[in-house]
Amino acid sequence: MKVKIYKYLVKAHIDDDIVKFGDYFKCDFVKSIIPNGFDLQIDVETTKVSKDNSKSLFDECDGKYDVVFYMYDTALGGMPSFGLTVKHSKTLAVIYLKCDTHSDGVGYTWKSMCHEFMHAIPILLEAKIGKMIGDHMDLTPVNGKLIPYYKNEEPFAPDGNFAVSLKYFAPYYTVQAVKAVPSYKYFKMNESTGGGFTFADLKPELRSLLDIMRGECGFPFVINSGYRSKAHNASLSDAVGDSAHLSGLAVDISCSDSTKRYKLTQVAYSHGIKRLGEAKSFVHIDMSKTLPQNVKWRYD
């Protein structure tokens, strides 16, 4: 899913909350309910467009993003009381979310982002399956009773409103995910690609290409870096902020043999790879279409 986040006069330092928000939907807890989790591609922008005029921003995002956050300082007042998720169009959900330093200081910002995003999922599912499904975040069924905001401050609680809602969404995503997972000749979906992520976290088009390239190269591929969360990417001293690793469209394949490195690069070019990096110990294969094309670089 593609997510756009606009920040308007936000005084709190919420960049870390945005990272936590994205990481939550790919964490083991979420994946224990929905196997693939939610692959969120997040773009963040500071805007000068006020809330009263924000519709123009959302119109621009319609068709490009699935969910848009408009985050602004609590001191500006107005509705909502804190967070509100609305249907902007058939395929776009908009989230208004107030921020302040106190709430952020107690870890409330990222949890609120996650909460409101859970409200957005039924809106997106409606476009996908043709009907509106239940939303159990604010009123959660517990032992036959509806309880308001049940364990809302505990997004990892196995019986809280997050878990109940995820289980309700699971049939609509799990079945689709199972059908969409192909079998690969040379790779397993659960094999590590570094940073706590697996082959499954890569985009399907890259997974398929790597399996084909591996067969043509005739030697094993060891991926030492695949998908990266923003937090993981930021922890690497040589990583760039707009790395294609963040969207699951790039891998670093271990390769210190010059003959194999030559073979690998030639096979990559034969399959239309237009972004490639070389180091003494690995080759970077990159399928991004939004970053500069027809480029090759060296790391050392």
C-alpha atoms as a PDB file:
ATOM      1  CA  MET A   1       0.000   0.000   0.000  1.00  0.00           C
ATOM      2  CA  LYS A   2       1.160   3.497  -0.773  1.00  0.00           C
ATOM      3  CA  VAL A   3       0.892   5.989   2.062  1.00  0.00           C
ATOM      4  CA  LYS A   4       1.398   9.755   1.893  1.00  0.00           C
ATOM      5  CA  ILE A   5       2.028  11.727   5.084  1.00  0.00           C
ATOM      6  CA  TYR A   6       1.643  15.500   5.134  1.00  0.00           C
ATOM      7  CA  LYS A   7       2.965  17.405   8.163  1.00  0.00           C
ATOM      8  CA  TYR A   8       1.433  20.827   8.803  1.00  0.00           C
ATOM      9  CA  LEU A   9       2.934  22.989  11.563  1.00  0.00           C
ATOM     10  CA  VAL A  10       3.765  19.899  13.611  1.00  0.00           C
ATOM     11  CA  LYS A  11       5.932  20.833  16.599  1.00  0.00           C
ATOM     12  CA  ALA A  12       6.429  17.318  17.953  1.00  0.00           C
ATOM     13  CA  HIS A  13       9.294  15.226  16.590  1.00  0.00           C
ATOM     14  CA  ILE A  14       7.309  12.512  14.847  1.00  0.00           C
ATOM     15  CA  ASP A  15       9.797  11.098  12.337  1.00  0.00           C
ATOM     16  CA  ASP A  16      10.550   8.197  14.675  1.00  0.00           C
ATOM     17  CA  ASP A  17       6.809   7.575  15.034  1.00  0.00           C
ATOM     18  CA  ILE A  18       6.423   7.353  11.275  1.00  0.00           C
ATOM     19  CA  VAL A  19       9.129   4.675  11.240  1.00  0.00           C
ATOM     20  CA  LYS A  20       7.436   2.781  14.090  1.00  0.00           C
ATOM     21  CA  PHE A  21       4.112   3.021  12.268  1.00  0.00           C
ATOM     22  CA  GLY A  22       5.560   1.455   9.116  1.00  0.00           C
ATOM     23  CA  ASP A  23       7.466  -1.196  11.041  1.00  0.00           C
ATOM     24  CA  TYR A  24       4.406  -2.230  13.066  1.00  0.00           C
ATOM     25  CA  PHE A  25       2.543  -3.478  10.014  1.00  0.00           C
ATOM     26  CA  LYS A  26       5.490  -5.680   9.051  1.00  0.00           C
ATOM     27  CA  CYS A  27       6.268  -6.920  12.571  1.00  0.00           C
ATOM     28  CA  ASP A  28       6.008 -10.525  13.724  1.00  0.00           C
ATOM     29  CA  PHE A  29       2.813  -9.824  15.675  1.00  0.00           C
ATOM     30  CA  VAL A  30       0.954  -8.625  12.576  1.00  0.00           C
ATOM     31  CA  LYS A  31       2.478 -11.379  10.439  1.00  0.00           C
ATOM     32  CA  SER A  32       1.303 -13.988  12.940  1.00  0.00           C
ATOM     33  CA  ILE A  33      -2.240 -13.005  11.902  1.00  0.00           C
ATOM     34  CA  ILE A  34      -1.750 -11.827   8.314  1.00  0.00           C
ATOM     35  CA  PRO A  35       1.294 -13.759   6.998  1.00  0.00           C
ATOM     36  CA  ASN A  36       2.653 -11.101   4.653  1.00  0.00           C
ATOM     37  CA  GLY A  37       1.730  -8.170   6.866  1.00  0.00           C
ATOM     38  CA  PHE A  38       1.215  -4.887   5.030  1.00  0.00           C
ATOM     39  CA  ASP A  39       3.959  -3.566   2.779  1.00  0.00           C
ATOM     40  CA  LEU A  40       3.661   0.193   3.307  1.00  0.00           C
ATOM     41  CA  GLN A  41       5.514   2.507   0.941  1.00  0.00           C
ATOM     42  CA  ILE A  42       5.578   5.787   2.853  1.00  0.00           C
ATOM     43  CA  ASP A  43       6.258   9.258   1.463  1.00  0.00           C
ATOM     44  CA  VAL A  44       6.546  12.169   3.909  1.00  0.00           C
ATOM     45  CA  GLU A  45       6.191  15.852   3.056  1.00  0.00           C
ATOM     46  CA  THR A  46       5.954  19.069   5.050  1.00  0.00           C
ATOM     47  CA  THR A  47       3.153  21.201   3.653  1.00  0.00           C
ATOM     48  CA  LYS A  48       2.051  24.822   3.960  1.00  0.00           C
ATOM     49  CA  VAL A  49      -1.490  23.959   2.917  1.00  0.00           C
ATOM     50  CA  SER A  50      -3.878  24.475   5.839  1.00  0.00           C
ATOM     51  CA  LYS A  51      -6.453  21.912   6.918  1.00  0.00           C
ATOM     52  CA  ASP A  52      -9.269  24.030   5.473  1.00  0.00           C
ATOM     53  CA  ASN A  53      -7.646  23.779   2.044  1.00  0.00           C
ATOM     54  CA  SER A  54      -6.325  20.233   2.395  1.00  0.00           C
ATOM     55  CA  LYS A  55      -8.812  18.734  -0.054  1.00  0.00           C
ATOM     56  CA  SER A  56      -6.594  19.937  -2.888  1.00  0.00           C
ATOM     57  CA  LEU A  57      -3.766  17.779  -1.516  1.00  0.00           C
ATOM     58  CA  PHE A  58      -5.997  14.743  -1.318  1.00  0.00           C
ATOM     59  CA  ASP A  59      -7.277  15.250  -4.859  1.00  0.00           C
ATOM     60  CA  GLU A  60      -3.666  15.230  -6.072  1.00  0.00           C
ATOM     61  CA  CYS A  61      -3.017  11.971  -4.188  1.00  0.00           C
ATOM     62  CA  ASP A  62      -6.130  10.218  -5.479  1.00  0.00           C
ATOM     63  CA  GLY A  63      -5.049   7.387  -7.759  1.00  0.00           C
ATOM     64  CA  LYS A  64      -1.436   7.634  -6.599  1.00  0.00           C
ATOM     65  CA  TYR A  65      -1.832   6.606  -2.952  1.00  0.00           C
ATOM     66  CA  ASP A  66      -4.121   4.374  -0.922  1.00  0.00           C
ATOM     67  CA  VAL A  67      -3.996   6.307   2.357  1.00  0.00           C
ATOM     68  CA  VAL A  68      -3.131   9.942   3.120  1.00  0.00           C
ATOM     69  CA  PHE A  69      -2.318  11.269   6.597  1.00  0.00           C
ATOM     70  CA  TYR A  70      -2.768  14.969   7.299  1.00  0.00           C
ATOM     71  CA  MET A  71      -0.934  15.545  10.592  1.00  0.00           C
ATOM     72  CA  TYR A  72      -1.139  18.908  12.327  1.00  0.00           C
ATOM     73  CA  ASP A  73      -0.487  20.459  15.722  1.00  0.00           C
ATOM     74  CA  THR A  74      -3.133  20.073  18.425  1.00  0.00           C
ATOM     75  CA  ALA A  75      -2.859  23.785  19.250  1.00  0.00           C
ATOM     76  CA  LEU A  76      -4.531  24.587  15.919  1.00  0.00           C
ATOM     77  CA  GLY A  77      -7.783  23.199  17.342  1.00  0.00           C
ATOM     78  CA  GLY A  78     -10.837  22.189  15.334  1.00  0.00           C
ATOM     79  CA  MET A  79     -12.151  18.724  14.590  1.00  0.00           C
ATOM     80  CA  PRO A  80     -11.322  15.934  15.094  1.00  0.00           C
ATOM     81  CA  SER A  81     -10.691  15.643  18.833  1.00  0.00           C
ATOM     82  CA  PHE A  82      -7.562  13.670  17.979  1.00  0.00           C
ATOM     83  CA  GLY A  83      -7.839  11.393  14.956  1.00  0.00           C
ATOM     84  CA  LEU A  84     -10.409  10.852  12.225  1.00  0.00           C
ATOM     85  CA  THR A  85     -10.411   8.559   9.177  1.00  0.00           C
ATOM     86  CA  VAL A  86     -12.721   9.324   6.262  1.00  0.00           C
ATOM     87  CA  LYS A  87     -13.380   7.992   2.779  1.00  0.00           C
ATOM     88  CA  HIS A  88     -12.155  10.569   0.255  1.00  0.00           C
ATOM     89  CA  SER A  89     -12.922   8.478  -2.807  1.00  0.00           C
ATOM     90  CA  LYS A  90     -13.565   4.857  -3.692  1.00  0.00           C
ATOM     91  CA  THR A  91      -9.860   4.048  -3.462  1.00  0.00           C
ATOM     92  CA  LEU A  92      -8.448   6.703  -1.111  1.00  0.00           C
ATOM     93  CA  ALA A  93      -8.776   6.955   2.666  1.00  0.00           C
ATOM     94  CA  VAL A  94      -7.789  10.192   4.413  1.00  0.00           C
ATOM     95  CA  ILE A  95      -6.645  10.375   8.024  1.00  0.00           C
ATOM     96  CA  TYR A  96      -6.617  13.620  10.019  1.00  0.00           C
ATOM     97  CA  LEU A  97      -4.372  13.295  13.054  1.00  0.00           C
ATOM     98  CA  LYS A  98      -3.479  15.876  15.683  1.00  0.00           C
ATOM     99  CA  CYS A  99      -0.015  15.830  17.246  1.00  0.00           C
ATOM    100  CA  ASP A 100       1.517  17.434  20.316  1.00  0.00           C
ATOM    101  CA  THR A 101       4.694  17.028  22.311  1.00  0.00           C
ATOM    102  CA  HIS A 102       2.945  15.561  25.374  1.00  0.00           C
ATOM    103  CA  SER A 103       1.155  12.793  23.471  1.00  0.00           C
ATOM    104  CA  ASP A 104       4.285  12.105  21.487  1.00  0.00           C
ATOM    105  CA  GLY A 105       6.335  11.911  24.676  1.00  0.00           C
ATOM    106  CA  VAL A 106       4.202   9.054  26.012  1.00  0.00           C
ATOM    107  CA  GLY A 107       4.367   7.091  22.754  1.00  0.00           C
ATOM    108  CA  TYR A 108       0.868   7.954  21.635  1.00  0.00           C
ATOM    109  CA  THR A 109       1.603   9.291  18.143  1.00  0.00           C
ATOM    110  CA  TRP A 110       2.679   6.081  16.411  1.00  0.00           C
ATOM    111  CA  LYS A 111      -0.050   4.088  18.148  1.00  0.00           C
ATOM    112  CA  SER A 112      -2.639   6.610  16.956  1.00  0.00           C
ATOM    113  CA  MET A 113      -1.275   6.370  13.428  1.00  0.00           C
ATOM    114  CA  CYS A 114      -1.658   2.599  13.582  1.00  0.00           C
ATOM    115  CA  HIS A 115      -5.154   2.901  15.068  1.00  0.00           C
ATOM    116  CA  GLU A 116      -6.393   5.256  12.356  1.00  0.00           C
ATOM    117  CA  PHE A 117      -4.770   3.167   9.630  1.00  0.00           C
ATOM    118  CA  MET A 118      -6.796   0.202  10.906  1.00  0.00           C
ATOM    119  CA  HIS A 119      -9.908   2.309  10.269  1.00  0.00           C
ATOM    120  CA  ALA A 120      -8.676   2.873   6.710  1.00  0.00           C
ATOM    121  CA  ILE A 121      -8.360  -0.825   5.858  1.00  0.00           C
ATOM    122  CA  PRO A 122     -12.151  -1.447   5.628  1.00  0.00           C
ATOM    123  CA  ILE A 123     -12.409   1.527   3.248  1.00  0.00           C
ATOM    124  CA  LEU A 124      -9.732   0.025   1.006  1.00  0.00           C
ATOM    125  CA  LEU A 125     -11.278  -3.428   1.245  1.00  0.00           C
ATOM    126  CA  GLU A 126     -14.639  -2.069   0.154  1.00  0.00           C
ATOM    127  CA  ALA A 127     -13.132  -1.095  -3.202  1.00  0.00           C
ATOM    128  CA  LYS A 128     -11.455  -4.492  -3.468  1.00  0.00           C
ATOM    129  CA  ILE A 129     -14.306  -6.832  -2.521  1.00  0.00           C
ATOM    130  CA  GLY A 130     -17.308  -4.648  -3.329  1.00  0.00           C
ATOM    131  CA  LYS A 131     -18.787  -4.438   0.157  1.00  0.00           C
ATOM    132  CA  MET A 132     -18.169  -2.668   3.459  1.00  0.00           C
ATOM    133  CA  ILE A 133     -16.915  -4.910   6.240  1.00  0.00           C
ATOM    134  CA  GLY A 134     -17.033  -4.307   9.977  1.00  0.00           C
ATOM    135  CA  ASP A 135     -14.696  -1.976  11.840  1.00  0.00           C
ATOM    136  CA  HIS A 136     -13.876  -3.220  15.349  1.00  0.00           C
ATOM    137  CA  MET A 137     -11.272  -0.694  16.483  1.00  0.00           C
ATOM    138  CA  ASP A 138     -13.492   1.655  18.508  1.00  0.00           C
ATOM    139  CA  LEU A 139     -16.055  -0.949  19.623  1.00  0.00           C
ATOM    140  CA  THR A 140     -14.505  -4.366  19.998  1.00  0.00           C
ATOM    141  CA  PRO A 141     -16.489  -7.573  20.569  1.00  0.00           C
ATOM    142  CA  VAL A 142     -15.170  -9.236  23.741  1.00  0.00           C
ATOM    143  CA  ASN A 143     -17.022 -12.249  25.158  1.00  0.00           C
ATOM    144  CA  GLY A 144     -20.232 -11.184  23.477  1.00  0.00           C
ATOM    145  CA  LYS A 145     -20.027  -7.544  24.565  1.00  0.00           C
ATOM    146  CA  LEU A 146     -18.857  -4.459  22.681  1.00  0.00           C
ATOM    147  CA  ILE A 147     -16.135  -2.684  24.656  1.00  0.00           C
ATOM    148  CA  PRO A 148     -14.928   0.797  23.630  1.00  0.00           C
ATOM    149  CA  TYR A 149     -11.233   1.050  22.706  1.00  0.00           C
ATOM    150  CA  TYR A 150     -10.408  -2.328  24.204  1.00  0.00           C
ATOM    151  CA  LYS A 151      -6.658  -2.407  25.002  1.00  0.00           C
ATOM    152  CA  ASN A 152      -6.187   0.444  22.533  1.00  0.00           C
ATOM    153  CA  GLU A 153      -2.838   1.322  24.128  1.00  0.00           C
ATOM    154  CA  GLU A 154      -1.590  -2.241  23.645  1.00  0.00           C
ATOM    155  CA  PRO A 155      -1.227  -2.826  19.884  1.00  0.00           C
ATOM    156  CA  PHE A 156       0.573  -6.130  20.575  1.00  0.00           C
ATOM    157  CA  ALA A 157      -2.107  -7.524  22.910  1.00  0.00           C
ATOM    158  CA  PRO A 158      -3.261 -10.896  21.503  1.00  0.00           C
ATOM    159  CA  ASP A 159      -6.881 -10.161  22.466  1.00  0.00           C
ATOM    160  CA  GLY A 160      -6.981  -6.363  22.008  1.00  0.00           C
ATOM    161  CA  ASN A 161      -8.772  -4.298  19.390  1.00  0.00           C
ATOM    162  CA  PHE A 162      -5.784  -4.472  17.025  1.00  0.00           C
ATOM    163  CA  ALA A 163      -5.652  -8.275  17.112  1.00  0.00           C
ATOM    164  CA  VAL A 164      -9.424  -8.647  16.784  1.00  0.00           C
ATOM    165  CA  SER A 165      -9.491  -6.323  13.784  1.00  0.00           C
ATOM    166  CA  LEU A 166      -6.501  -7.968  12.103  1.00  0.00           C
ATOM    167  CA  LYS A 167      -8.154 -11.380  12.480  1.00  0.00           C
ATOM    168  CA  TYR A 168     -11.279  -9.967  10.886  1.00  0.00           C
ATOM    169  CA  PHE A 169      -9.256  -8.612   7.946  1.00  0.00           C
ATOM    170  CA  ALA A 170      -7.141 -11.758   7.583  1.00  0.00           C
ATOM    171  CA  PRO A 171      -9.454 -13.773   5.273  1.00  0.00           C
ATOM    172  CA  TYR A 172      -9.437 -10.960   2.745  1.00  0.00           C
ATOM    173  CA  TYR A 173      -5.649 -10.744   2.706  1.00  0.00           C
ATOM    174  CA  THR A 174      -4.457 -14.218   3.661  1.00  0.00           C
ATOM    175  CA  VAL A 175      -6.296 -16.047   0.874  1.00  0.00           C
ATOM    176  CA  GLN A 176      -5.096 -13.516  -1.659  1.00  0.00           C
ATOM    177  CA  ALA A 177      -1.566 -13.710  -0.298  1.00  0.00           C
ATOM    178  CA  VAL A 178      -1.473 -17.512  -0.466  1.00  0.00           C
ATOM    179  CA  LYS A 179      -2.695 -17.501  -4.053  1.00  0.00           C
ATOM    180  CA  ALA A 180      -0.169 -14.827  -4.977  1.00  0.00           C
ATOM    181  CA  VAL A 181       2.864 -16.630  -3.547  1.00  0.00           C
ATOM    182  CA  PRO A 182       4.571 -18.538  -6.355  1.00  0.00           C
ATOM    183  CA  SER A 183       7.068 -21.317  -5.895  1.00  0.00           C
ATOM    184  CA  TYR A 184      10.688 -20.560  -6.702  1.00  0.00           C
ATOM    185  CA  LYS A 185      13.307 -22.988  -7.889  1.00  0.00           C
ATOM    186  CA  TYR A 186      16.280 -21.471  -6.084  1.00  0.00           C
ATOM    187  CA  PHE A 187      14.827 -19.435  -3.209  1.00  0.00           C
ATOM    188  CA  LYS A 188      12.624 -20.011  -0.185  1.00  0.00           C
ATOM    189  CA  MET A 189      10.229 -17.308   0.936  1.00  0.00           C
ATOM    190  CA  ASN A 190      11.446 -17.458   4.530  1.00  0.00           C
ATOM    191  CA  GLU A 191      15.181 -17.293   3.855  1.00  0.00           C
ATOM    192  CA  SER A 192      16.957 -14.340   5.376  1.00  0.00           C
ATOM    193  CA  THR A 193      18.018 -11.321   3.344  1.00  0.00           C
ATOM    194  CA  GLY A 194      19.497  -9.407   6.275  1.00  0.00           C
ATOM    195  CA  GLY A 195      18.160  -6.918   8.777  1.00  0.00           C
ATOM    196  CA  GLY A 196      15.528  -9.313  10.061  1.00  0.00           C
ATOM    197  CA  PHE A 197      13.746  -9.489   6.695  1.00  0.00           C
ATOM    198  CA  THR A 198      13.224 -12.349   4.265  1.00  0.00           C
ATOM    199  CA  PHE A 199      12.976 -13.093   0.556  1.00  0.00           C
ATOM    200  CA  ALA A 200       9.188 -12.716   0.894  1.00  0.00           C
ATOM    201  CA  ASP A 201       9.618  -9.032   1.773  1.00  0.00           C
ATOM    202  CA  LEU A 202      10.960  -8.280  -1.708  1.00  0.00           C
ATOM    203  CA  LYS A 203       8.559  -7.156  -4.413  1.00  0.00           C
ATOM    204  CA  PRO A 204       7.216 -10.093  -6.500  1.00  0.00           C
ATOM    205  CA  GLU A 205       8.769  -8.783  -9.714  1.00  0.00           C
ATOM    206  CA  LEU A 206      12.219  -8.744  -8.131  1.00  0.00           C
ATOM    207  CA  ARG A 207      11.764 -12.206  -6.600  1.00  0.00           C
ATOM    208  CA  SER A 208      10.851 -13.651 -10.002  1.00  0.00           C
ATOM    209  CA  LEU A 209      13.760 -11.944 -11.739  1.00  0.00           C
ATOM    210  CA  LEU A 210      16.279 -13.176  -9.171  1.00  0.00           C
ATOM    211  CA  ASP A 211      15.073 -16.750  -9.581  1.00  0.00           C
ATOM    212  CA  ILE A 212      15.530 -16.514 -13.355  1.00  0.00           C
ATOM    213  CA  MET A 213      18.927 -14.838 -13.067  1.00  0.00           C
ATOM    214  CA  ARG A 214      20.122 -17.431 -10.572  1.00  0.00           C
ATOM    215  CA  GLY A 215      19.373 -20.195 -13.092  1.00  0.00           C
ATOM    216  CA  GLU A 216      21.149 -18.378 -15.915  1.00  0.00           C
ATOM    217  CA  CYS A 217      24.215 -17.530 -13.811  1.00  0.00           C
ATOM    218  CA  GLY A 218      24.647 -21.122 -12.649  1.00  0.00           C
ATOM    219  CA  PHE A 219      25.936 -20.307  -9.154  1.00  0.00           C
ATOM    220  CA  PRO A 220      24.183 -19.658  -5.806  1.00  0.00           C
ATOM    221  CA  PHE A 221      22.998 -16.186  -4.880  1.00  0.00           C
ATOM    222  CA  VAL A 222      23.525 -15.112  -1.275  1.00  0.00           C
ATOM    223  CA  ILE A 223      21.510 -11.954  -0.597  1.00  0.00           C
ATOM    224  CA  ASN A 224      23.100  -9.993   2.227  1.00  0.00           C
ATOM    225  CA  SER A 225      20.689  -7.060   2.001  1.00  0.00           C
ATOM    226  CA  GLY A 226      17.170  -7.016   0.599  1.00  0.00           C
ATOM    227  CA  TYR A 227      14.172  -5.094   1.905  1.00  0.00           C
ATOM    228  CA  ARG A 228      15.025  -2.484   4.551  1.00  0.00           C
ATOM    229  CA  SER A 229      12.807  -0.607   6.952  1.00  0.00           C
ATOM    230  CA  LYS A 230      13.574   3.095   7.284  1.00  0.00           C
ATOM    231  CA  ALA A 231      15.048   2.468  10.708  1.00  0.00           C
ATOM    232  CA  HIS A 232      17.339  -0.279   9.425  1.00  0.00           C
ATOM    233  CA  ASN A 233      18.364   1.783   6.405  1.00  0.00           C
ATOM    234  CA  ALA A 234      19.162   4.786   8.611  1.00  0.00           C
ATOM    235  CA  SER A 235      21.392   2.609  10.795  1.00  0.00           C
ATOM    236  CA  LEU A 236      23.688   1.807   7.841  1.00  0.00           C
ATOM    237  CA  SER A 237      26.493   4.310   7.381  1.00  0.00           C
ATOM    238  CA  ASP A 238      26.727   3.900   3.601  1.00  0.00           C
ATOM    239  CA  ALA A 239      22.983   3.817   2.803  1.00  0.00           C
ATOM    240  CA  VAL A 240      21.231   6.638   0.941  1.00  0.00           C
ATOM    241  CA  GLY A 241      17.930   8.022   2.164  1.00  0.00           C
ATOM    242  CA  ASP A 242      15.975   7.180  -1.002  1.00  0.00           C
ATOM    243  CA  SER A 243      17.392   3.674  -1.419  1.00  0.00           C
ATOM    244  CA  ALA A 244      15.345   1.242  -3.527  1.00  0.00           C
ATOM    245  CA  HIS A 245      15.860  -1.236  -0.675  1.00  0.00           C
ATOM    246  CA  LEU A 246      13.127   0.696   1.184  1.00  0.00           C
ATOM    247  CA  SER A 247      10.530  -0.395  -1.359  1.00  0.00           C
ATOM    248  CA  GLY A 248      11.772  -3.973  -1.731  1.00  0.00           C
ATOM    249  CA  LEU A 249      13.064  -3.338  -5.242  1.00  0.00           C
ATOM    250  CA  ALA A 250      16.801  -3.845  -4.640  1.00  0.00           C
ATOM    251  CA  VAL A 251      19.162  -6.504  -3.344  1.00  0.00           C
ATOM    252  CA  ASP A 252      22.868  -6.762  -2.632  1.00  0.00           C
ATOM    253  CA  ILE A 253      24.172 -10.140  -3.776  1.00  0.00           C
ATOM    254  CA  SER A 254      27.432 -11.338  -2.213  1.00  0.00           C
ATOM    255  CA  CYS A 255      30.064 -11.718  -4.909  1.00  0.00           C
ATOM    256  CA  SER A 256      33.837 -11.397  -4.488  1.00  0.00           C
ATOM    257  CA  ASP A 257      34.807 -13.457  -7.550  1.00  0.00           C
ATOM    258  CA  SER A 258      35.463 -11.202 -10.563  1.00  0.00           C
ATOM    259  CA  THR A 259      34.338 -13.831 -13.087  1.00  0.00           C
ATOM    260  CA  LYS A 260      31.036 -14.383 -11.285  1.00  0.00           C
ATOM    261  CA  ARG A 261      30.605 -10.646 -10.847  1.00  0.00           C
ATOM    262  CA  TYR A 262      31.010 -10.127 -14.597  1.00  0.00           C
ATOM    263  CA  LYS A 263      28.512 -12.907 -15.337  1.00  0.00           C
ATOM    264  CA  LEU A 264      26.030 -11.524 -12.828  1.00  0.00           C
ATOM    265  CA  THR A 265      26.144  -8.004 -14.239  1.00  0.00           C
ATOM    266  CA  GLN A 266      25.801  -9.215 -17.834  1.00  0.00           C
ATOM    267  CA  VAL A 267      22.774 -11.345 -16.977  1.00  0.00           C
ATOM    268  CA  ALA A 268      21.252  -8.397 -15.097  1.00  0.00           C
ATOM    269  CA  TYR A 269      21.692  -6.125 -18.115  1.00  0.00           C
ATOM    270  CA  SER A 270      20.183  -8.751 -20.411  1.00  0.00           C
ATOM    271  CA  HIS A 271      17.007  -8.599 -18.317  1.00  0.00           C
ATOM    272  CA  GLY A 272      16.713  -4.827 -18.529  1.00  0.00           C
ATOM    273  CA  ILE A 273      18.283  -3.814 -15.209  1.00  0.00           C
ATOM    274  CA  LYS A 274      19.102  -0.102 -15.536  1.00  0.00           C
ATOM    275  CA  ARG A 275      20.499   0.511 -12.070  1.00  0.00           C
ATOM    276  CA  LEU A 276      23.509  -1.487 -10.895  1.00  0.00           C
ATOM    277  CA  GLY A 277      26.197  -0.995  -8.280  1.00  0.00           C
ATOM    278  CA  GLU A 278      29.449  -2.922  -7.826  1.00  0.00           C
ATOM    279  CA  ALA A 279      31.645  -3.448  -4.789  1.00  0.00           C
ATOM    280  CA  LYS A 280      34.484  -5.865  -4.117  1.00  0.00           C
ATOM    281  CA  SER A 281      32.192  -8.068  -2.083  1.00  0.00           C
ATOM    282  CA  PHE A 282      28.724  -7.645  -3.633  1.00  0.00           C
ATOM    283  CA  VAL A 283      26.638  -6.523  -6.605  1.00  0.00           C
ATOM    284  CA  HIS A 284      23.629  -4.254  -6.130  1.00  0.00           C
ATOM    285  CA  ILE A 285      20.674  -5.137  -8.406  1.00  0.00           C
ATOM    286  CA  ASP A 286      18.027  -2.414  -8.512  1.00  0.00           C
ATOM    287  CA  MET A 287      14.607  -2.407 -10.239  1.00  0.00           C
ATOM    288  CA  SER A 288      13.454   1.068  -9.181  1.00  0.00           C
ATOM    289  CA  LYS A 289      11.664   2.989 -11.936  1.00  0.00           C
ATOM    290  CA  THR A 290      11.505   6.274 -10.045  1.00  0.00           C
ATOM    291  CA  LEU A 291      15.218   6.719  -9.309  1.00  0.00           C
ATOM    292  CA  PRO A 292      17.728   7.741 -12.061  1.00  0.00           C
ATOM    293  CA  GLN A 293      17.951   5.183 -14.880  1.00  0.00           C
ATOM    294  CA  ASN A 294      20.852   3.826 -16.964  1.00  0.00           C
ATOM    295  CA  VAL A 295      23.336   4.266 -14.142  1.00  0.00           C
ATOM    296  CA  LYS A 296      26.166   2.155 -12.780  1.00  0.00           C
ATOM    297  CA  TRP A 297      28.332   2.965  -9.767  1.00  0.00           C
ATOM    298  CA  ARG A 298      31.067   1.598  -7.538  1.00  0.00           C
ATOM    299  CA  TYR A 299      31.083   1.537  -3.751  1.00  0.00           C
ATOM    300  CA  ASP A 300      34.852   1.350  -3.364  1.00  0.00           C
END
